[in-house]
Amino acid sequence: MRPSFLDDMSWAMAEVYGSVTDRLLVNLARHFPYIKNADQIRGSFDYQARLLAQMGQVNRESVDIIMQSLGSADEALRASLEAAIMDALKGEEPKLRKAAQKGLLQGTGMLPDEVTPNQMQAFQAYYRQSADKLNLVNTVMLESTQAAYQATVADVTARIARSQSILNVGAGEVVTGVSSWNTAMREAVGKMVQNGLTGFVDHAGRQWSPEAYVAMDIRTTMFNTAREAISERAEQYGCDFYQVSSHNGARPLCYPWQGKVLSRSGWTGTVQDLYGEDVAVHSEDEIESFRWGGGLFGVNCRHYPMNFIPGFSTLKGEPQDPEENEQAYAESQQQRALERKLREERRDLAVLKAQGADPEAIQAQRAKVSKASSDIDAFCDETGRARRRSREYTPVDATWPKKDTYDPVAFPTETRDRINEFFGGAQSSPKAHAPKSVFATKS
């Protein structure tokens, strides 16, 4: 199981939502063009009425943007979960099979002829839950787009009403009136873009952007699916133990369990590794934050289980220094923030262009883009971290991950057929439960 592979897959899906969000905001900005001359101005209330009359058109455009990019979301999700299972089994299956051949595990290493009800239920549950969440994000995102447009119309009107009147003014004052109007639109649209769009509202009332929520949900779902695949195969072989993977920059609640060997059944004690060295085994029950929040195997957790077979396996990885781990974690969060800042500056430049802003405003925004990019360069030079340019862009033509990002030929035929059953069966596959629309009704 390769965390970098699952990270890239989940990011590719989230990137599509980021692209859609930017396209929606840029399209809204296009409906608030800069005023070039006073002939275009009839008064703030007339302006408000004309913009509100475009609500239907704006809504149709928003639906087209969402449908065009997100209409195949359920198919992309199934392909991503399939890739997660394949990648997880590629690393664990040979080890389990070899140990079974040596008589250290039960079973023959062959997959059962039929999918067990528990397995089918588990994988379908992950798919349906995530697919429903994606549909809800689409619905909330559309509603947020409508609300953002209406709020911006009201904001522009209010700002203009507070400025000087531009009706019946002398020729010398017309330029000032047009300038005030454009200033009001620039500030109102800037506020709209800064607020962004909402894709999900959690139980605490926190508003998530579409791309942030999808990134979190897809990453968590893919890792959970991969872990479930590993656990299912281990259970079939009779392997109860696993070692928790390790990486620098682990979250605080996960860090204490890196490199530890855990028992799925709750057994505790000592076993021997390949070289007869004692290895302590802990129970999953000892982990208070297991599978929730910021804990081990919880939301956004990148750790994974490596099946540990007494008399066959050896411990992997070296213990991470607490201070180095904490610093690496803090630096990773800072880099993510700098990357978001650069993406936002580039989006704001696209918004100004859509509004037909004057060259001075566009040039000033280009300077902000350059500054945000330089800040990342300076941060990476200072910390020695690698710059990940793919996370600094939100391409307009972002596409879903392709199924050929993994190599199914590397798996035994029976394994590949088994996985295909999870997602391609006529009666029991998750596809049968796929929503018929990219929009869902909120409960």
Protein backbone atom coordinates (compact mmCIF):
# COMPACT_ATOMS: atom_id res chain seq x y z
CA MET A 1 0.00 0.00 0.00
CA ARG A 2 1.54 3.27 -1.12
CA PRO A 3 0.24 6.40 0.66
CA SER A 4 1.68 8.60 -2.08
CA PHE A 5 -0.38 6.71 -4.67
CA LEU A 6 -3.62 7.08 -2.70
CA ASP A 7 -2.80 10.73 -1.94
CA ASP A 8 -2.32 11.46 -5.63
CA MET A 9 -5.55 9.65 -6.55
CA SER A 10 -7.61 11.51 -3.97
CA TRP A 11 -5.99 14.83 -4.87
CA ALA A 12 -6.82 14.26 -8.54
CA MET A 13 -10.51 13.90 -7.64
CA ALA A 14 -10.48 16.89 -5.29
CA GLU A 15 -8.72 18.92 -7.98
CA VAL A 16 -11.76 18.50 -10.22
CA TYR A 17 -13.94 20.06 -7.53
CA GLY A 18 -11.42 22.87 -7.13
CA SER A 19 -11.56 23.46 -10.85
CA VAL A 20 -15.38 23.52 -10.83
CA THR A 21 -15.42 25.94 -7.89
CA ASP A 22 -13.08 28.33 -9.68
CA ARG A 23 -15.09 28.08 -12.91
CA LEU A 24 -18.30 28.87 -11.04
CA LEU A 25 -16.77 31.91 -9.33
CA VAL A 26 -15.19 33.20 -12.54
CA ASN A 27 -18.52 32.77 -14.33
CA LEU A 28 -20.30 34.74 -11.60
CA ALA A 29 -17.70 37.49 -11.88
CA ARG A 30 -18.35 37.68 -15.62
CA HIS A 31 -21.85 38.94 -14.80
CA PHE A 32 -20.35 41.95 -12.98
CA PRO A 33 -18.30 43.57 -15.78
CA TYR A 34 -16.45 46.84 -15.32
CA ILE A 35 -18.31 49.90 -16.57
CA LYS A 36 -16.47 51.58 -19.46
CA ASN A 37 -18.57 54.72 -19.84
CA ALA A 38 -21.44 56.55 -18.18
CA ASP A 39 -23.94 55.53 -20.89
CA GLN A 40 -24.03 52.08 -19.32
CA ILE A 41 -25.27 53.52 -16.04
CA ARG A 42 -28.95 54.21 -15.38
CA GLY A 43 -28.99 54.01 -11.59
CA SER A 44 -28.27 51.50 -8.89
CA PHE A 45 -31.80 50.14 -8.62
CA ASP A 46 -32.14 49.67 -12.37
CA TYR A 47 -28.77 47.91 -12.29
CA GLN A 48 -29.95 45.65 -9.46
CA ALA A 49 -33.14 44.74 -11.33
CA ARG A 50 -31.20 43.84 -14.49
CA LEU A 51 -28.81 41.58 -12.57
CA LEU A 52 -31.58 39.82 -10.66
CA ALA A 53 -33.36 39.21 -13.96
CA GLN A 54 -30.32 37.17 -15.01
CA MET A 55 -30.71 34.75 -12.09
CA GLY A 56 -32.24 32.07 -14.29
CA GLN A 57 -29.42 32.31 -16.82
CA VAL A 58 -26.78 32.26 -14.08
CA ASN A 59 -28.36 29.17 -12.56
CA ARG A 60 -28.45 27.36 -15.92
CA GLU A 61 -24.80 28.18 -16.51
CA SER A 62 -23.88 26.89 -13.05
CA VAL A 63 -25.75 23.63 -13.60
CA ASP A 64 -24.00 23.18 -16.96
CA ILE A 65 -20.58 23.69 -15.37
CA ILE A 66 -21.30 21.19 -12.59
CA MET A 67 -22.85 18.58 -14.89
CA GLN A 68 -20.07 18.90 -17.46
CA SER A 69 -17.32 18.15 -14.95
CA LEU A 70 -19.04 16.09 -12.26
CA GLY A 71 -21.56 14.01 -14.20
CA SER A 72 -19.31 10.93 -13.98
CA ALA A 73 -18.38 11.34 -10.32
CA ASP A 74 -19.77 7.97 -9.25
CA GLU A 75 -17.79 6.15 -11.96
CA ALA A 76 -14.60 7.96 -10.97
CA LEU A 77 -15.20 7.11 -7.33
CA ARG A 78 -15.62 3.41 -8.10
CA ALA A 79 -12.45 3.40 -10.18
CA SER A 80 -10.53 5.12 -7.39
CA LEU A 81 -11.71 2.66 -4.74
CA GLU A 82 -10.88 -0.23 -7.04
CA ALA A 83 -7.38 1.19 -7.49
CA ALA A 84 -7.02 1.54 -3.73
CA ILE A 85 -7.89 -2.14 -3.20
CA MET A 86 -5.58 -3.28 -5.99
CA ASP A 87 -2.66 -1.25 -4.67
CA ALA A 88 -3.18 -2.50 -1.11
CA LEU A 89 -3.37 -6.16 -2.10
CA LYS A 90 -0.36 -5.89 -4.38
CA GLY A 91 1.86 -5.31 -1.36
CA GLU A 92 0.29 -7.77 1.11
CA GLU A 93 -0.89 -10.75 -0.94
CA PRO A 94 2.56 -12.20 -1.84
CA LYS A 95 3.71 -12.03 1.79
CA LEU A 96 0.59 -13.76 3.11
CA ARG A 97 0.70 -16.41 0.41
CA LYS A 98 4.37 -17.22 1.04
CA ALA A 99 3.81 -17.50 4.81
CA ALA A 100 0.86 -19.82 4.22
CA GLN A 101 3.00 -22.03 1.98
CA LYS A 102 5.50 -22.31 4.85
CA GLY A 103 2.72 -23.43 7.17
CA LEU A 104 2.89 -20.27 9.31
CA LEU A 105 -0.66 -19.23 8.43
CA GLN A 106 -3.87 -21.06 7.76
CA GLY A 107 -5.39 -21.28 4.31
CA THR A 108 -3.96 -21.96 0.90
CA GLY A 109 -3.69 -18.39 -0.32
CA MET A 110 -6.54 -18.79 -2.79
CA LEU A 111 -9.51 -16.49 -2.79
CA PRO A 112 -12.88 -18.06 -1.98
CA ASP A 113 -15.17 -18.91 -4.88
CA GLU A 114 -17.84 -16.46 -3.78
CA VAL A 115 -17.75 -13.03 -2.24
CA THR A 116 -18.71 -13.25 1.41
CA PRO A 117 -21.65 -11.14 2.58
CA ASN A 118 -19.46 -9.27 5.06
CA GLN A 119 -16.95 -8.31 2.39
CA MET A 120 -19.58 -7.15 -0.07
CA GLN A 121 -21.39 -5.18 2.59
CA ALA A 122 -18.21 -3.44 3.77
CA PHE A 123 -17.00 -2.32 0.33
CA GLN A 124 -20.44 -1.28 -0.86
CA ALA A 125 -20.97 0.72 2.32
CA TYR A 126 -17.81 2.74 1.72
CA TYR A 127 -18.83 3.43 -1.86
CA ARG A 128 -22.45 4.38 -1.15
CA GLN A 129 -21.51 6.61 1.77
CA SER A 130 -18.93 8.52 -0.23
CA ALA A 131 -21.11 8.72 -3.37
CA ASP A 132 -23.96 10.19 -1.32
CA LYS A 133 -21.59 12.77 0.15
CA LEU A 134 -20.35 13.79 -3.30
CA ASN A 135 -23.93 14.29 -4.47
CA LEU A 136 -24.69 16.38 -1.42
CA VAL A 137 -21.61 18.53 -2.11
CA ASN A 138 -22.86 19.11 -5.66
CA THR A 139 -26.25 20.23 -4.40
CA VAL A 140 -24.90 22.50 -1.68
CA MET A 141 -22.37 23.96 -4.12
CA LEU A 142 -25.13 24.92 -6.56
CA GLU A 143 -27.21 26.48 -3.79
CA SER A 144 -24.14 28.36 -2.57
CA THR A 145 -23.53 29.68 -6.09
CA GLN A 146 -27.08 31.04 -6.26
CA ALA A 147 -26.78 32.63 -2.82
CA ALA A 148 -23.38 34.16 -3.69
CA TYR A 149 -24.78 35.79 -6.82
CA GLN A 150 -27.78 37.27 -5.00
CA ALA A 151 -25.64 38.51 -2.13
CA THR A 152 -23.18 40.15 -4.52
CA VAL A 153 -25.96 41.93 -6.41
CA ALA A 154 -27.23 43.35 -3.12
CA ASP A 155 -23.70 44.23 -2.01
CA VAL A 156 -22.87 46.11 -5.22
CA THR A 157 -26.14 48.05 -5.02
CA ALA A 158 -25.59 48.97 -1.39
CA ARG A 159 -22.03 50.13 -2.04
CA ILE A 160 -23.13 52.29 -4.97
CA ALA A 161 -26.01 53.76 -2.98
CA ARG A 162 -23.56 54.85 -0.33
CA SER A 163 -21.31 56.54 -2.88
CA GLN A 164 -22.02 59.77 -4.70
CA SER A 165 -24.91 59.91 -7.14
CA ILE A 166 -23.90 59.35 -10.73
CA LEU A 167 -27.15 60.55 -12.22
CA ASN A 168 -27.45 64.04 -13.72
CA VAL A 169 -23.82 64.87 -13.09
CA GLY A 170 -21.64 67.18 -15.06
CA ALA A 171 -19.17 65.87 -17.60
CA GLY A 172 -16.27 66.37 -15.20
CA GLU A 173 -17.94 64.19 -12.59
CA VAL A 174 -18.84 61.32 -14.88
CA VAL A 175 -15.36 59.79 -14.69
CA THR A 176 -15.50 59.88 -10.89
CA GLY A 177 -18.95 58.23 -10.99
CA VAL A 178 -17.79 55.43 -13.26
CA SER A 179 -14.73 54.92 -11.07
CA SER A 180 -16.89 54.68 -7.94
CA TRP A 181 -19.16 52.17 -9.66
CA ASN A 182 -16.24 49.98 -10.72
CA THR A 183 -14.72 50.22 -7.28
CA ALA A 184 -17.98 49.02 -5.76
CA MET A 185 -18.14 46.07 -8.15
CA ARG A 186 -14.49 45.16 -7.62
CA GLU A 187 -14.91 45.18 -3.84
CA ALA A 188 -18.19 43.28 -3.88
CA VAL A 189 -16.95 40.60 -6.28
CA GLY A 190 -13.69 40.38 -4.35
CA LYS A 191 -15.66 39.72 -1.19
CA MET A 192 -17.69 37.03 -2.98
CA VAL A 193 -14.56 35.28 -4.25
CA GLN A 194 -12.86 35.57 -0.88
CA ASN A 195 -15.84 33.92 0.81
CA GLY A 196 -15.80 31.21 -1.84
CA LEU A 197 -18.47 28.56 -2.24
CA THR A 198 -19.76 26.13 0.34
CA GLY A 199 -19.72 22.41 -0.40
CA PHE A 200 -20.61 21.02 2.99
CA VAL A 201 -21.70 22.22 6.43
CA ASP A 202 -20.65 19.93 9.28
CA HIS A 203 -22.39 19.31 12.60
CA ALA A 204 -20.44 22.13 14.24
CA GLY A 205 -21.73 24.58 11.63
CA ARG A 206 -18.34 24.88 9.94
CA GLN A 207 -18.56 25.58 6.22
CA TRP A 208 -16.23 23.51 4.04
CA SER A 209 -15.21 24.50 0.54
CA PRO A 210 -16.11 21.82 -2.04
CA GLU A 211 -12.51 20.88 -2.82
CA ALA A 212 -11.44 20.76 0.85
CA TYR A 213 -14.32 18.53 1.87
CA VAL A 214 -13.98 16.23 -1.14
CA ALA A 215 -10.22 15.93 -0.61
CA MET A 216 -10.79 14.91 3.00
CA ASP A 217 -13.64 12.54 2.24
CA ILE A 218 -12.07 10.79 -0.76
CA ARG A 219 -8.68 10.44 0.90
CA THR A 220 -10.27 8.97 4.03
CA THR A 221 -12.52 6.66 2.02
CA MET A 222 -9.67 5.38 -0.15
CA PHE A 223 -7.42 4.70 2.83
CA ASN A 224 -10.26 3.00 4.72
CA THR A 225 -11.09 0.86 1.70
CA ALA A 226 -7.45 -0.17 1.27
CA ARG A 227 -7.12 -0.98 4.98
CA GLU A 228 -10.32 -3.00 4.85
CA ALA A 229 -8.98 -4.98 1.90
CA ILE A 230 -5.79 -5.76 3.82
CA SER A 231 -7.73 -6.78 6.93
CA GLU A 232 -10.12 -9.00 4.96
CA ARG A 233 -7.27 -10.90 3.31
CA ALA A 234 -5.42 -11.20 6.63
CA GLU A 235 -8.54 -12.65 8.25
CA GLN A 236 -8.87 -15.24 5.49
CA TYR A 237 -5.26 -16.29 6.07
CA GLY A 238 -5.65 -16.26 9.86
CA CYS A 239 -3.19 -13.38 10.38
CA ASP A 240 -4.15 -11.43 13.52
CA PHE A 241 -1.20 -9.04 13.84
CA TYR A 242 -0.03 -5.98 11.91
CA GLN A 243 2.54 -3.25 12.29
CA VAL A 244 1.44 0.38 11.97
CA SER A 245 3.34 2.17 9.20
CA SER A 246 5.60 5.13 10.04
CA HIS A 247 6.25 8.45 8.39
CA ASN A 248 7.75 11.75 9.40
CA GLY A 249 5.22 14.48 10.14
CA ALA A 250 2.59 12.17 11.66
CA ARG A 251 -0.31 13.76 13.50
CA PRO A 252 -0.02 14.01 17.30
CA LEU A 253 -2.63 11.33 18.08
CA CYS A 254 -1.15 8.92 15.55
CA TYR A 255 2.51 9.41 16.39
CA PRO A 256 2.70 7.22 19.56
CA TRP A 257 1.50 4.16 17.61
CA GLN A 258 3.87 4.37 14.67
CA GLY A 259 5.86 1.17 14.27
CA LYS A 260 3.88 -0.67 16.97
CA VAL A 261 2.47 -4.15 16.37
CA LEU A 262 -1.26 -4.41 17.06
CA SER A 263 -3.70 -7.28 17.37
CA ARG A 264 -7.04 -7.12 15.60
CA SER A 265 -8.61 -9.59 18.02
CA GLY A 266 -7.47 -7.78 21.17
CA TRP A 267 -4.65 -10.21 22.08
CA THR A 268 -1.68 -8.75 23.98
CA GLY A 269 1.68 -10.27 24.76
CA THR A 270 5.00 -11.00 23.06
CA VAL A 271 5.83 -12.82 19.83
CA GLN A 272 9.09 -13.45 17.96
CA ASP A 273 10.10 -12.04 14.61
CA LEU A 274 12.04 -13.76 11.82
CA TYR A 275 15.26 -13.65 13.85
CA GLY A 276 13.73 -14.73 17.16
CA GLU A 277 13.69 -11.22 18.63
CA ASP A 278 10.83 -10.42 21.01
CA VAL A 279 8.18 -8.07 19.69
CA ALA A 280 5.50 -6.56 21.95
CA VAL A 281 1.92 -6.85 20.68
CA HIS A 282 -0.73 -4.30 21.70
CA SER A 283 -4.50 -4.44 21.33
CA GLU A 284 -6.40 -1.98 19.17
CA ASP A 285 -8.56 -1.44 22.27
CA GLU A 286 -5.65 0.41 23.90
CA ILE A 287 -5.97 3.27 21.39
CA GLU A 288 -8.60 5.69 22.68
CA SER A 289 -8.77 7.66 19.43
CA PHE A 290 -8.80 4.59 17.17
CA ARG A 291 -10.62 5.26 13.88
CA TRP A 292 -12.10 8.63 14.84
CA GLY A 293 -11.22 12.31 14.44
CA GLY A 294 -7.50 12.94 14.27
CA GLY A 295 -6.63 9.51 15.69
CA LEU A 296 -5.04 6.43 14.17
CA PHE A 297 -6.90 5.31 11.02
CA GLY A 298 -9.30 8.24 11.51
CA VAL A 299 -10.18 11.11 9.20
CA ASN A 300 -7.31 12.00 6.84
CA CYS A 301 -4.98 9.44 8.45
CA ARG A 302 -2.27 8.18 6.07
CA HIS A 303 -1.11 5.26 8.19
CA TYR A 304 -1.77 1.72 7.05
CA PRO A 305 -1.43 -1.81 8.48
CA MET A 306 1.47 -4.06 7.45
CA ASN A 307 0.57 -7.64 8.31
CA PHE A 308 3.02 -9.06 10.84
CA ILE A 309 3.54 -12.84 10.89
CA PRO A 310 5.43 -14.30 13.89
CA GLY A 311 8.52 -16.20 12.82
CA PHE A 312 8.33 -14.66 9.33
CA SER A 313 8.18 -10.86 9.53
CA THR A 314 10.59 -8.21 10.76
CA LEU A 315 9.77 -4.73 12.04
CA LYS A 316 9.83 -2.06 9.34
CA GLY A 317 11.05 1.50 9.62
CA GLU A 318 12.90 3.42 12.29
CA PRO A 319 11.32 5.27 15.26
CA GLN A 320 10.66 8.91 14.41
CA ASP A 321 12.22 11.59 16.63
CA PRO A 322 9.36 13.44 18.37
CA GLU A 323 10.78 16.91 17.73
CA GLU A 324 11.60 16.16 14.10
CA ASN A 325 8.13 14.67 13.59
CA GLU A 326 6.46 17.73 15.09
CA GLN A 327 8.53 20.08 12.96
CA ALA A 328 7.84 18.09 9.80
CA TYR A 329 4.11 18.13 10.52
CA ALA A 330 4.11 21.89 11.11
CA GLU A 331 6.10 22.49 7.91
CA SER A 332 3.73 20.33 5.88
CA GLN A 333 0.77 22.37 7.09
CA GLN A 334 2.57 25.62 6.31
CA GLN A 335 3.41 24.45 2.80
CA ARG A 336 -0.23 23.46 2.18
CA ALA A 337 -1.27 26.98 3.26
CA LEU A 338 1.22 28.61 0.89
CA GLU A 339 -0.01 26.40 -1.96
CA ARG A 340 -3.62 27.39 -1.25
CA LYS A 341 -2.60 31.06 -1.24
CA LEU A 342 -1.00 30.73 -4.69
CA ARG A 343 -4.06 28.95 -6.09
CA GLU A 344 -6.29 31.70 -4.70
CA GLU A 345 -4.16 34.47 -6.22
CA ARG A 346 -4.30 32.77 -9.62
CA ARG A 347 -8.08 32.41 -9.31
CA ASP A 348 -8.40 36.10 -8.43
CA LEU A 349 -6.44 36.98 -11.56
CA ALA A 350 -8.88 34.94 -13.66
CA VAL A 351 -11.79 36.76 -11.96
CA LEU A 352 -10.41 40.18 -12.83
CA LYS A 353 -9.93 39.14 -16.44
CA ALA A 354 -13.52 37.85 -16.56
CA GLN A 355 -14.74 41.24 -15.30
CA GLY A 356 -12.77 43.09 -17.95
CA ALA A 357 -10.74 44.92 -15.31
CA ASP A 358 -8.36 47.70 -16.30
CA PRO A 359 -4.73 46.78 -17.11
CA GLU A 360 -3.44 48.34 -13.88
CA ALA A 361 -5.64 46.06 -11.73
CA ILE A 362 -4.65 42.98 -13.70
CA GLN A 363 -0.96 43.86 -13.48
CA ALA A 364 -1.26 44.38 -9.72
CA GLN A 365 -2.84 40.96 -9.34
CA ARG A 366 -0.11 39.36 -11.46
CA ALA A 367 2.38 40.80 -8.97
CA LYS A 368 0.50 39.06 -6.15
CA VAL A 369 0.69 35.76 -8.03
CA SER A 370 4.43 36.21 -8.48
CA LYS A 371 4.84 37.07 -4.80
CA ALA A 372 2.91 33.97 -3.67
CA SER A 373 5.09 31.79 -5.90
CA SER A 374 8.27 33.38 -4.56
CA ASP A 375 7.07 32.75 -1.00
CA ILE A 376 6.88 29.01 -1.73
CA ASP A 377 10.36 29.08 -3.26
CA ALA A 378 11.75 30.80 -0.19
CA PHE A 379 9.97 28.38 2.17
CA CYS A 380 11.25 25.31 0.33
CA ASP A 381 14.79 26.72 0.21
CA GLU A 382 14.68 27.38 3.94
CA THR A 383 13.21 24.02 4.97
CA GLY A 384 14.62 21.75 2.27
CA ARG A 385 11.14 20.51 1.39
CA ALA A 386 10.34 19.59 -2.20
CA ARG A 387 8.10 21.97 -4.10
CA ARG A 388 4.98 20.21 -5.41
CA ARG A 389 3.90 22.37 -8.32
CA SER A 390 0.97 20.12 -9.19
CA ARG A 391 -0.72 21.37 -5.99
CA GLU A 392 -0.20 25.01 -6.88
CA TYR A 393 -2.55 25.02 -9.87
CA THR A 394 -6.25 24.42 -10.30
CA PRO A 395 -6.46 23.60 -14.02
CA VAL A 396 -9.72 24.46 -15.75
CA ASP A 397 -9.62 21.15 -17.62
CA ALA A 398 -8.95 18.93 -14.57
CA THR A 399 -10.14 15.39 -15.26
CA TRP A 400 -10.97 12.36 -13.18
CA PRO A 401 -8.28 9.78 -12.38
CA LYS A 402 -7.94 7.11 -15.03
CA LYS A 403 -8.32 3.41 -14.26
CA ASP A 404 -5.01 2.68 -15.99
CA THR A 405 -3.10 4.39 -13.16
CA TYR A 406 -2.52 0.91 -11.75
CA ASP A 407 -1.52 -2.38 -13.37
CA PRO A 408 -4.22 -5.04 -12.86
CA VAL A 409 -2.20 -7.57 -14.89
CA ALA A 410 0.17 -7.87 -11.93
CA PHE A 411 -2.54 -9.61 -9.89
CA PRO A 412 -3.62 -13.25 -10.04
CA THR A 413 -6.67 -13.70 -12.22
CA GLU A 414 -8.84 -14.84 -9.31
CA THR A 415 -7.89 -11.71 -7.32
CA ARG A 416 -8.71 -9.41 -10.22
CA ASP A 417 -12.04 -11.15 -10.83
CA ARG A 418 -12.89 -10.91 -7.16
CA ILE A 419 -12.28 -7.16 -7.07
CA ASN A 420 -14.27 -6.68 -10.27
CA GLU A 421 -17.19 -8.42 -8.58
CA PHE A 422 -17.19 -5.75 -5.89
CA PHE A 423 -17.73 -3.01 -8.44
CA GLY A 424 -19.07 -4.61 -11.59
CA GLY A 425 -21.65 -7.23 -10.59
CA ALA A 426 -25.10 -6.91 -12.07
CA GLN A 427 -27.10 -7.28 -8.85
CA SER A 428 -24.78 -6.62 -5.96
CA SER A 429 -22.31 -4.05 -7.21
CA PRO A 430 -22.23 -0.51 -5.79
CA LYS A 431 -23.06 0.80 -9.26
CA ALA A 432 -26.58 -0.44 -8.76
CA HIS A 433 -26.87 2.05 -5.93
CA ALA A 434 -25.33 4.98 -7.81
CA PRO A 435 -27.41 8.16 -7.73
CA LYS A 436 -29.13 8.99 -11.00
CA SER A 437 -28.12 12.66 -10.76
CA VAL A 438 -25.12 14.60 -9.59
CA PHE A 439 -27.51 16.56 -7.40
CA ALA A 440 -28.97 15.16 -4.20
CA THR A 441 -31.73 16.29 -1.91
CA LYS A 442 -30.47 17.27 1.52
CA SER A 443 -32.10 15.45 4.43
